[in-house]
Amino acid sequence: MEKASLNNREAIEFLVNEFYAEVRKDPLLGPVFHEVIGDNWDAHLEKMYRFWETILLNVKSYNGSPFKVHRSLPIDNKHFQRWVDLFIKKVNQHFRGTHADEAVSRAKTLGLTFSYKKDYLDKNQTN
């Protein structure tokens, strides 16, 4: 099967759907997402389409502060790393080209940034 370019909204939707189908089955990430999202997957997926469309296609469809949502979750470095690993797996499985490379790079950066920032804030919060 030839890999596609990750250069339009349809491709982003495919990637996001494939990725989150895997996340939902994952023994580490699945329970966290189930607890937080519950039955609101349609809204979450739509937000993720807009997030990745903004990042990869420079279409200003997402507005938000993604770290703020993750700050209070019961997650740590292993969760972020697993998220990155699954995301890269799906990108590499289905896509090629500069947008795919950018998606991998951005996922790695997001995972590291969120992990370090959450770890720092968790260790240095004042009660």
C-alpha atoms as a PDB file:
ATOM      1  CA  MET A   1       0.000   0.000   0.000  1.00  0.00           C
ATOM      2  CA  GLU A   2       1.422   3.349  -1.022  1.00  0.00           C
ATOM      3  CA  LYS A   3       1.670   5.972   1.678  1.00  0.00           C
ATOM      4  CA  ALA A   4      -0.244   9.212   1.227  1.00  0.00           C
ATOM      5  CA  SER A   5       0.705  12.825   1.774  1.00  0.00           C
ATOM      6  CA  LEU A   6      -0.530  14.396   4.984  1.00  0.00           C
ATOM      7  CA  ASN A   7      -1.415  17.608   3.223  1.00  0.00           C
ATOM      8  CA  ASN A   8      -5.175  18.100   3.544  1.00  0.00           C
ATOM      9  CA  ARG A   9      -7.991  17.983   6.086  1.00  0.00           C
ATOM     10  CA  GLU A  10      -9.172  14.571   4.905  1.00  0.00           C
ATOM     11  CA  ALA A  11      -5.740  13.040   5.542  1.00  0.00           C
ATOM     12  CA  ILE A  12      -5.553  14.686   8.969  1.00  0.00           C
ATOM     13  CA  GLU A  13      -8.971  13.300   9.879  1.00  0.00           C
ATOM     14  CA  PHE A  14      -7.844   9.836   8.797  1.00  0.00           C
ATOM     15  CA  LEU A  15      -4.666  10.084  10.887  1.00  0.00           C
ATOM     16  CA  VAL A  16      -6.471  11.390  13.953  1.00  0.00           C
ATOM     17  CA  ASN A  17      -9.150   8.702  13.707  1.00  0.00           C
ATOM     18  CA  GLU A  18      -6.592   5.919  13.274  1.00  0.00           C
ATOM     19  CA  PHE A  19      -4.475   7.256  16.122  1.00  0.00           C
ATOM     20  CA  TYR A  20      -7.302   7.626  18.612  1.00  0.00           C
ATOM     21  CA  ALA A  21      -8.709   4.203  17.718  1.00  0.00           C
ATOM     22  CA  GLU A  22      -5.347   2.858  18.866  1.00  0.00           C
ATOM     23  CA  VAL A  23      -5.261   5.113  21.946  1.00  0.00           C
ATOM     24  CA  ARG A  24      -8.674   3.878  23.060  1.00  0.00           C
ATOM     25  CA  LYS A  25      -7.397   0.257  23.031  1.00  0.00           C
ATOM     26  CA  ASP A  26      -4.077   1.062  24.704  1.00  0.00           C
ATOM     27  CA  PRO A  27      -3.814  -0.320  28.268  1.00  0.00           C
ATOM     28  CA  LEU A  28      -1.946   2.767  29.527  1.00  0.00           C
ATOM     29  CA  LEU A  29      -3.699   5.585  27.671  1.00  0.00           C
ATOM     30  CA  GLY A  30      -7.148   4.116  27.110  1.00  0.00           C
ATOM     31  CA  PRO A  31      -8.346   4.341  30.729  1.00  0.00           C
ATOM     32  CA  VAL A  32      -7.200   7.967  31.054  1.00  0.00           C
ATOM     33  CA  PHE A  33      -8.968   9.011  27.873  1.00  0.00           C
ATOM     34  CA  HIS A  34     -12.077   7.044  28.848  1.00  0.00           C
ATOM     35  CA  GLU A  35     -12.182   8.792  32.223  1.00  0.00           C
ATOM     36  CA  VAL A  36     -11.713  12.285  30.786  1.00  0.00           C
ATOM     37  CA  ILE A  37     -13.585  12.061  27.481  1.00  0.00           C
ATOM     38  CA  GLY A  38     -16.238   9.478  28.290  1.00  0.00           C
ATOM     39  CA  ASP A  39     -18.714   9.497  25.405  1.00  0.00           C
ATOM     40  CA  ASN A  40     -17.637  12.896  24.030  1.00  0.00           C
ATOM     41  CA  TRP A  41     -15.331  11.496  21.352  1.00  0.00           C
ATOM     42  CA  ASP A  42     -16.907  13.392  18.474  1.00  0.00           C
ATOM     43  CA  ALA A  43     -16.120  16.738  20.100  1.00  0.00           C
ATOM     44  CA  HIS A  44     -12.594  15.634  21.009  1.00  0.00           C
ATOM     45  CA  LEU A  45     -11.844  14.336  17.520  1.00  0.00           C
ATOM     46  CA  GLU A  46     -13.147  17.522  15.904  1.00  0.00           C
ATOM     47  CA  LYS A  47     -10.872  19.557  18.181  1.00  0.00           C
ATOM     48  CA  MET A  48      -7.911  17.352  17.226  1.00  0.00           C
ATOM     49  CA  TYR A  49      -8.670  17.743  13.513  1.00  0.00           C
ATOM     50  CA  ARG A  50      -8.556  21.510  13.958  1.00  0.00           C
ATOM     51  CA  PHE A  51      -5.407  21.330  16.122  1.00  0.00           C
ATOM     52  CA  TRP A  52      -3.414  19.329  13.558  1.00  0.00           C
ATOM     53  CA  GLU A  53      -4.856  21.267  10.639  1.00  0.00           C
ATOM     54  CA  THR A  54      -3.576  24.470  12.260  1.00  0.00           C
ATOM     55  CA  ILE A  55      -0.138  23.007  12.948  1.00  0.00           C
ATOM     56  CA  LEU A  56       0.436  21.176   9.676  1.00  0.00           C
ATOM     57  CA  LEU A  57      -1.529  23.155   7.109  1.00  0.00           C
ATOM     58  CA  ASN A  58      -1.364  26.615   8.671  1.00  0.00           C
ATOM     59  CA  VAL A  59      -5.160  26.799   8.599  1.00  0.00           C
ATOM     60  CA  LYS A  60      -6.161  28.823  11.648  1.00  0.00           C
ATOM     61  CA  SER A  61      -9.023  26.574  12.758  1.00  0.00           C
ATOM     62  CA  TYR A  62      -7.816  25.748  16.302  1.00  0.00           C
ATOM     63  CA  ASN A  63      -7.793  28.178  19.185  1.00  0.00           C
ATOM     64  CA  GLY A  64      -6.888  26.967  22.634  1.00  0.00           C
ATOM     65  CA  SER A  65      -4.274  26.154  25.204  1.00  0.00           C
ATOM     66  CA  PRO A  66      -3.673  22.408  25.021  1.00  0.00           C
ATOM     67  CA  PHE A  67      -1.298  22.164  27.968  1.00  0.00           C
ATOM     68  CA  LYS A  68      -3.867  23.661  30.306  1.00  0.00           C
ATOM     69  CA  VAL A  69      -6.138  20.663  29.704  1.00  0.00           C
ATOM     70  CA  HIS A  70      -3.351  18.189  30.434  1.00  0.00           C
ATOM     71  CA  ARG A  71      -2.050  19.937  33.543  1.00  0.00           C
ATOM     72  CA  SER A  72      -4.539  18.411  35.979  1.00  0.00           C
ATOM     73  CA  LEU A  73      -4.657  14.908  34.499  1.00  0.00           C
ATOM     74  CA  PRO A  74      -3.195  11.911  36.376  1.00  0.00           C
ATOM     75  CA  ILE A  75      -0.482  11.388  33.761  1.00  0.00           C
ATOM     76  CA  ASP A  76       3.289  11.496  33.657  1.00  0.00           C
ATOM     77  CA  ASN A  77       6.231  10.979  31.324  1.00  0.00           C
ATOM     78  CA  LYS A  78       5.316   7.391  30.446  1.00  0.00           C
ATOM     79  CA  HIS A  79       1.889   8.550  29.227  1.00  0.00           C
ATOM     80  CA  PHE A  80       3.351  11.301  27.085  1.00  0.00           C
ATOM     81  CA  GLN A  81       5.968   8.942  25.655  1.00  0.00           C
ATOM     82  CA  ARG A  82       3.361   6.328  24.833  1.00  0.00           C
ATOM     83  CA  TRP A  83       1.216   8.998  23.142  1.00  0.00           C
ATOM     84  CA  VAL A  84       4.205  10.071  21.019  1.00  0.00           C
ATOM     85  CA  ASP A  85       5.115   6.485  20.134  1.00  0.00           C
ATOM     86  CA  LEU A  86       1.570   5.645  19.008  1.00  0.00           C
ATOM     87  CA  PHE A  87       1.255   8.861  17.040  1.00  0.00           C
ATOM     88  CA  ILE A  88       4.556   8.322  15.216  1.00  0.00           C
ATOM     89  CA  LYS A  89       3.578   4.720  14.498  1.00  0.00           C
ATOM     90  CA  LYS A  90       0.364   5.857  12.807  1.00  0.00           C
ATOM     91  CA  VAL A  91       2.050   8.637  10.842  1.00  0.00           C
ATOM     92  CA  ASN A  92       4.779   6.301   9.599  1.00  0.00           C
ATOM     93  CA  GLN A  93       2.281   3.545   8.814  1.00  0.00           C
ATOM     94  CA  HIS A  94       0.131   5.685   6.518  1.00  0.00           C
ATOM     95  CA  PHE A  95       1.966   8.847   5.424  1.00  0.00           C
ATOM     96  CA  ARG A  96       5.101  10.218   3.793  1.00  0.00           C
ATOM     97  CA  GLY A  97       6.521  13.590   2.877  1.00  0.00           C
ATOM     98  CA  THR A  98       7.206  16.906   4.525  1.00  0.00           C
ATOM     99  CA  HIS A  99       3.875  17.181   6.343  1.00  0.00           C
ATOM    100  CA  ALA A 100       4.331  13.686   7.773  1.00  0.00           C
ATOM    101  CA  ASP A 101       7.860  14.600   8.878  1.00  0.00           C
ATOM    102  CA  GLU A 102       6.493  17.777  10.449  1.00  0.00           C
ATOM    103  CA  ALA A 103       3.775  15.830  12.273  1.00  0.00           C
ATOM    104  CA  VAL A 104       6.384  13.487  13.768  1.00  0.00           C
ATOM    105  CA  SER A 105       8.610  16.392  14.776  1.00  0.00           C
ATOM    106  CA  ARG A 106       5.734  18.304  16.351  1.00  0.00           C
ATOM    107  CA  ALA A 107       4.469  15.240  18.224  1.00  0.00           C
ATOM    108  CA  LYS A 108       7.925  14.660  19.708  1.00  0.00           C
ATOM    109  CA  THR A 109       8.185  18.313  20.722  1.00  0.00           C
ATOM    110  CA  LEU A 110       4.700  18.333  22.242  1.00  0.00           C
ATOM    111  CA  GLY A 111       5.354  15.148  24.182  1.00  0.00           C
ATOM    112  CA  LEU A 112       8.652  16.388  25.599  1.00  0.00           C
ATOM    113  CA  THR A 113       7.386  19.870  26.353  1.00  0.00           C
ATOM    114  CA  PHE A 114       4.214  18.710  28.069  1.00  0.00           C
ATOM    115  CA  SER A 115       6.087  16.043  30.015  1.00  0.00           C
ATOM    116  CA  TYR A 116       8.808  18.386  31.271  1.00  0.00           C
ATOM    117  CA  LYS A 117       6.381  21.194  32.041  1.00  0.00           C
ATOM    118  CA  LYS A 118       3.937  18.957  33.922  1.00  0.00           C
ATOM    119  CA  ASP A 119       6.745  17.265  35.838  1.00  0.00           C
ATOM    120  CA  TYR A 120       8.227  20.635  36.826  1.00  0.00           C
ATOM    121  CA  LEU A 121       4.876  22.063  37.932  1.00  0.00           C
ATOM    122  CA  ASP A 122       3.949  18.895  39.830  1.00  0.00           C
ATOM    123  CA  LYS A 123       7.263  18.960  41.716  1.00  0.00           C
ATOM    124  CA  ASN A 124       7.188  22.700  42.412  1.00  0.00           C
ATOM    125  CA  GLN A 125       3.550  23.417  43.151  1.00  0.00           C
ATOM    126  CA  THR A 126       2.862  25.191  46.388  1.00  0.00           C
ATOM    127  CA  ASN A 127      -0.009  24.119  48.571  1.00  0.00           C
END
